[in-house]
Amino acid sequence: EPYVSYPFHMDETRLRTEIFGPKGLFGRYCVKWESQLAAATNDNNAETTTDDKGPYFLNTGPSLADVSVFELMDFHRQVFGEGAMRSDFDSFPLLLGLHDA
């Protein structure tokens, strides 16, 4: 089973219900990812820190985890549009920062 599944069907109302549900992208994964990015950003023990282009999960630069989350967010942008993507991820500013990096 994939780490994060994205429901594929043409019913936008159902899709939004699923991805915002407690087991969906926003209800489960984005909350955890935002927390992990916050922890990496506040990690005083990091050997190196990111420049103004971060945050990153490992706080040392982009990793496979960062690319994977970026791709998922970019797919969401392709499905719903730039404005909706920004609005949907508004509660997750560190994830938006990752996407914009």
C-alpha atoms as a PDB file:
ATOM      1  CA  GLU A   1       0.000   0.000   0.000  1.00  0.00           C
ATOM      2  CA  PRO A   2       1.396   3.443  -0.856  1.00  0.00           C
ATOM      3  CA  TYR A   3       2.495   5.781   1.911  1.00  0.00           C
ATOM      4  CA  VAL A   4      -0.071   8.347   0.818  1.00  0.00           C
ATOM      5  CA  SER A   5      -2.825   7.509  -1.583  1.00  0.00           C
ATOM      6  CA  TYR A   6      -4.583  10.149  -3.612  1.00  0.00           C
ATOM      7  CA  PRO A   7      -8.145   9.217  -4.565  1.00  0.00           C
ATOM      8  CA  PHE A   8      -8.598   9.152  -8.320  1.00  0.00           C
ATOM      9  CA  HIS A   9     -12.138   9.830  -9.494  1.00  0.00           C
ATOM     10  CA  MET A  10     -14.023  12.668 -11.138  1.00  0.00           C
ATOM     11  CA  ASP A  11     -16.232  13.635  -8.153  1.00  0.00           C
ATOM     12  CA  GLU A  12     -14.626  16.806  -6.765  1.00  0.00           C
ATOM     13  CA  THR A  13     -16.906  16.999  -3.714  1.00  0.00           C
ATOM     14  CA  ARG A  14     -16.116  13.410  -2.753  1.00  0.00           C
ATOM     15  CA  LEU A  15     -12.410  13.952  -3.449  1.00  0.00           C
ATOM     16  CA  ARG A  16     -12.238  17.015  -1.209  1.00  0.00           C
ATOM     17  CA  THR A  17     -14.150  15.155   1.530  1.00  0.00           C
ATOM     18  CA  GLU A  18     -11.659  12.292   1.355  1.00  0.00           C
ATOM     19  CA  ILE A  19      -8.460  14.342   1.332  1.00  0.00           C
ATOM     20  CA  PHE A  20      -9.663  16.576   4.180  1.00  0.00           C
ATOM     21  CA  GLY A  21     -10.920  13.617   6.231  1.00  0.00           C
ATOM     22  CA  PRO A  22      -9.072  12.284   9.294  1.00  0.00           C
ATOM     23  CA  LYS A  23      -7.277   9.641   7.200  1.00  0.00           C
ATOM     24  CA  GLY A  24      -6.683  11.869   4.189  1.00  0.00           C
ATOM     25  CA  LEU A  25      -3.889  14.101   3.001  1.00  0.00           C
ATOM     26  CA  PHE A  26      -4.793  17.107   5.133  1.00  0.00           C
ATOM     27  CA  GLY A  27      -6.307  15.373   8.152  1.00  0.00           C
ATOM     28  CA  ARG A  28      -3.460  12.939   8.670  1.00  0.00           C
ATOM     29  CA  TYR A  29      -0.300  13.584   6.685  1.00  0.00           C
ATOM     30  CA  CYS A  30      -0.016  17.365   6.387  1.00  0.00           C
ATOM     31  CA  VAL A  31      -0.377  17.748  10.147  1.00  0.00           C
ATOM     32  CA  LYS A  32       2.520  15.343  10.726  1.00  0.00           C
ATOM     33  CA  TRP A  33       4.683  16.789   7.978  1.00  0.00           C
ATOM     34  CA  GLU A  34       4.199  20.334   9.244  1.00  0.00           C
ATOM     35  CA  SER A  35       5.217  19.167  12.710  1.00  0.00           C
ATOM     36  CA  GLN A  36       8.318  17.425  11.329  1.00  0.00           C
ATOM     37  CA  LEU A  37       9.323  20.541   9.388  1.00  0.00           C
ATOM     38  CA  ALA A  38       8.864  22.660  12.518  1.00  0.00           C
ATOM     39  CA  ALA A  39      11.043  20.272  14.515  1.00  0.00           C
ATOM     40  CA  ALA A  40      13.742  20.329  11.822  1.00  0.00           C
ATOM     41  CA  THR A  41      13.605  24.120  11.647  1.00  0.00           C
ATOM     42  CA  ASN A  42      13.947  24.432  15.438  1.00  0.00           C
ATOM     43  CA  ASP A  43      16.595  21.754  15.808  1.00  0.00           C
ATOM     44  CA  ASN A  44      19.499  23.516  17.465  1.00  0.00           C
ATOM     45  CA  ASN A  45      21.648  20.410  17.119  1.00  0.00           C
ATOM     46  CA  ALA A  46      21.655  20.485  13.322  1.00  0.00           C
ATOM     47  CA  GLU A  47      25.150  20.601  11.900  1.00  0.00           C
ATOM     48  CA  THR A  48      24.071  22.924   9.122  1.00  0.00           C
ATOM     49  CA  THR A  49      21.039  25.065   8.598  1.00  0.00           C
ATOM     50  CA  THR A  50      19.074  25.891   5.515  1.00  0.00           C
ATOM     51  CA  ASP A  51      19.253  29.216   3.775  1.00  0.00           C
ATOM     52  CA  ASP A  52      16.136  31.250   3.074  1.00  0.00           C
ATOM     53  CA  LYS A  53      14.958  28.616   0.599  1.00  0.00           C
ATOM     54  CA  GLY A  54      13.914  26.059   3.241  1.00  0.00           C
ATOM     55  CA  PRO A  55      12.523  24.508   5.343  1.00  0.00           C
ATOM     56  CA  TYR A  56      13.524  20.950   4.645  1.00  0.00           C
ATOM     57  CA  PHE A  57      12.806  17.753   6.543  1.00  0.00           C
ATOM     58  CA  LEU A  58      16.464  17.114   7.321  1.00  0.00           C
ATOM     59  CA  ASN A  59      17.329  20.812   7.741  1.00  0.00           C
ATOM     60  CA  THR A  60      20.433  20.328   5.612  1.00  0.00           C
ATOM     61  CA  GLY A  61      18.910  20.716   2.176  1.00  0.00           C
ATOM     62  CA  PRO A  62      16.420  18.895  -0.014  1.00  0.00           C
ATOM     63  CA  SER A  63      16.075  15.150   0.467  1.00  0.00           C
ATOM     64  CA  LEU A  64      13.952  12.467  -1.144  1.00  0.00           C
ATOM     65  CA  ALA A  65      11.277  13.181   1.479  1.00  0.00           C
ATOM     66  CA  ASP A  66      11.149  16.836   0.429  1.00  0.00           C
ATOM     67  CA  VAL A  67      10.871  15.931  -3.240  1.00  0.00           C
ATOM     68  CA  SER A  68       8.104  13.409  -2.539  1.00  0.00           C
ATOM     69  CA  VAL A  69       6.019  15.903  -0.571  1.00  0.00           C
ATOM     70  CA  PHE A  70       6.670  18.595  -3.175  1.00  0.00           C
ATOM     71  CA  GLU A  71       5.433  16.287  -5.933  1.00  0.00           C
ATOM     72  CA  LEU A  72       2.268  15.461  -4.004  1.00  0.00           C
ATOM     73  CA  MET A  73       1.590  19.161  -3.379  1.00  0.00           C
ATOM     74  CA  ASP A  74       2.307  19.993  -7.010  1.00  0.00           C
ATOM     75  CA  PHE A  75      -0.110  17.277  -8.140  1.00  0.00           C
ATOM     76  CA  HIS A  76      -2.740  18.821  -5.855  1.00  0.00           C
ATOM     77  CA  ARG A  77      -2.018  22.174  -7.532  1.00  0.00           C
ATOM     78  CA  GLN A  78      -2.496  20.608 -10.963  1.00  0.00           C
ATOM     79  CA  VAL A  79      -5.827  19.079  -9.953  1.00  0.00           C
ATOM     80  CA  PHE A  80      -7.345  22.081  -8.153  1.00  0.00           C
ATOM     81  CA  GLY A  81      -5.357  25.087  -9.406  1.00  0.00           C
ATOM     82  CA  GLU A  82      -2.833  27.432  -7.800  1.00  0.00           C
ATOM     83  CA  GLY A  83      -5.352  29.458  -5.787  1.00  0.00           C
ATOM     84  CA  ALA A  84      -7.080  26.426  -4.307  1.00  0.00           C
ATOM     85  CA  MET A  85      -3.736  24.784  -3.510  1.00  0.00           C
ATOM     86  CA  ARG A  86      -2.583  27.860  -1.603  1.00  0.00           C
ATOM     87  CA  SER A  87      -5.899  28.113   0.203  1.00  0.00           C
ATOM     88  CA  ASP A  88      -5.987  24.398   1.052  1.00  0.00           C
ATOM     89  CA  PHE A  89      -2.444  24.467   2.457  1.00  0.00           C
ATOM     90  CA  ASP A  90      -2.906  27.817   4.230  1.00  0.00           C
ATOM     91  CA  SER A  91      -2.870  26.094   7.634  1.00  0.00           C
ATOM     92  CA  PHE A  92       0.502  24.558   6.756  1.00  0.00           C
ATOM     93  CA  PRO A  93       2.893  27.467   6.109  1.00  0.00           C
ATOM     94  CA  LEU A  94       6.037  25.342   6.372  1.00  0.00           C
ATOM     95  CA  LEU A  95       4.729  22.967   3.724  1.00  0.00           C
ATOM     96  CA  LEU A  96       3.975  25.943   1.495  1.00  0.00           C
ATOM     97  CA  GLY A  97       7.526  27.143   2.115  1.00  0.00           C
ATOM     98  CA  LEU A  98       8.836  23.725   1.118  1.00  0.00           C
ATOM     99  CA  HIS A  99       6.763  23.808  -2.062  1.00  0.00           C
ATOM    100  CA  ASP A 100       7.944  27.308  -2.908  1.00  0.00           C
ATOM    101  CA  ALA A 101      11.600  26.436  -2.312  1.00  0.00           C
END
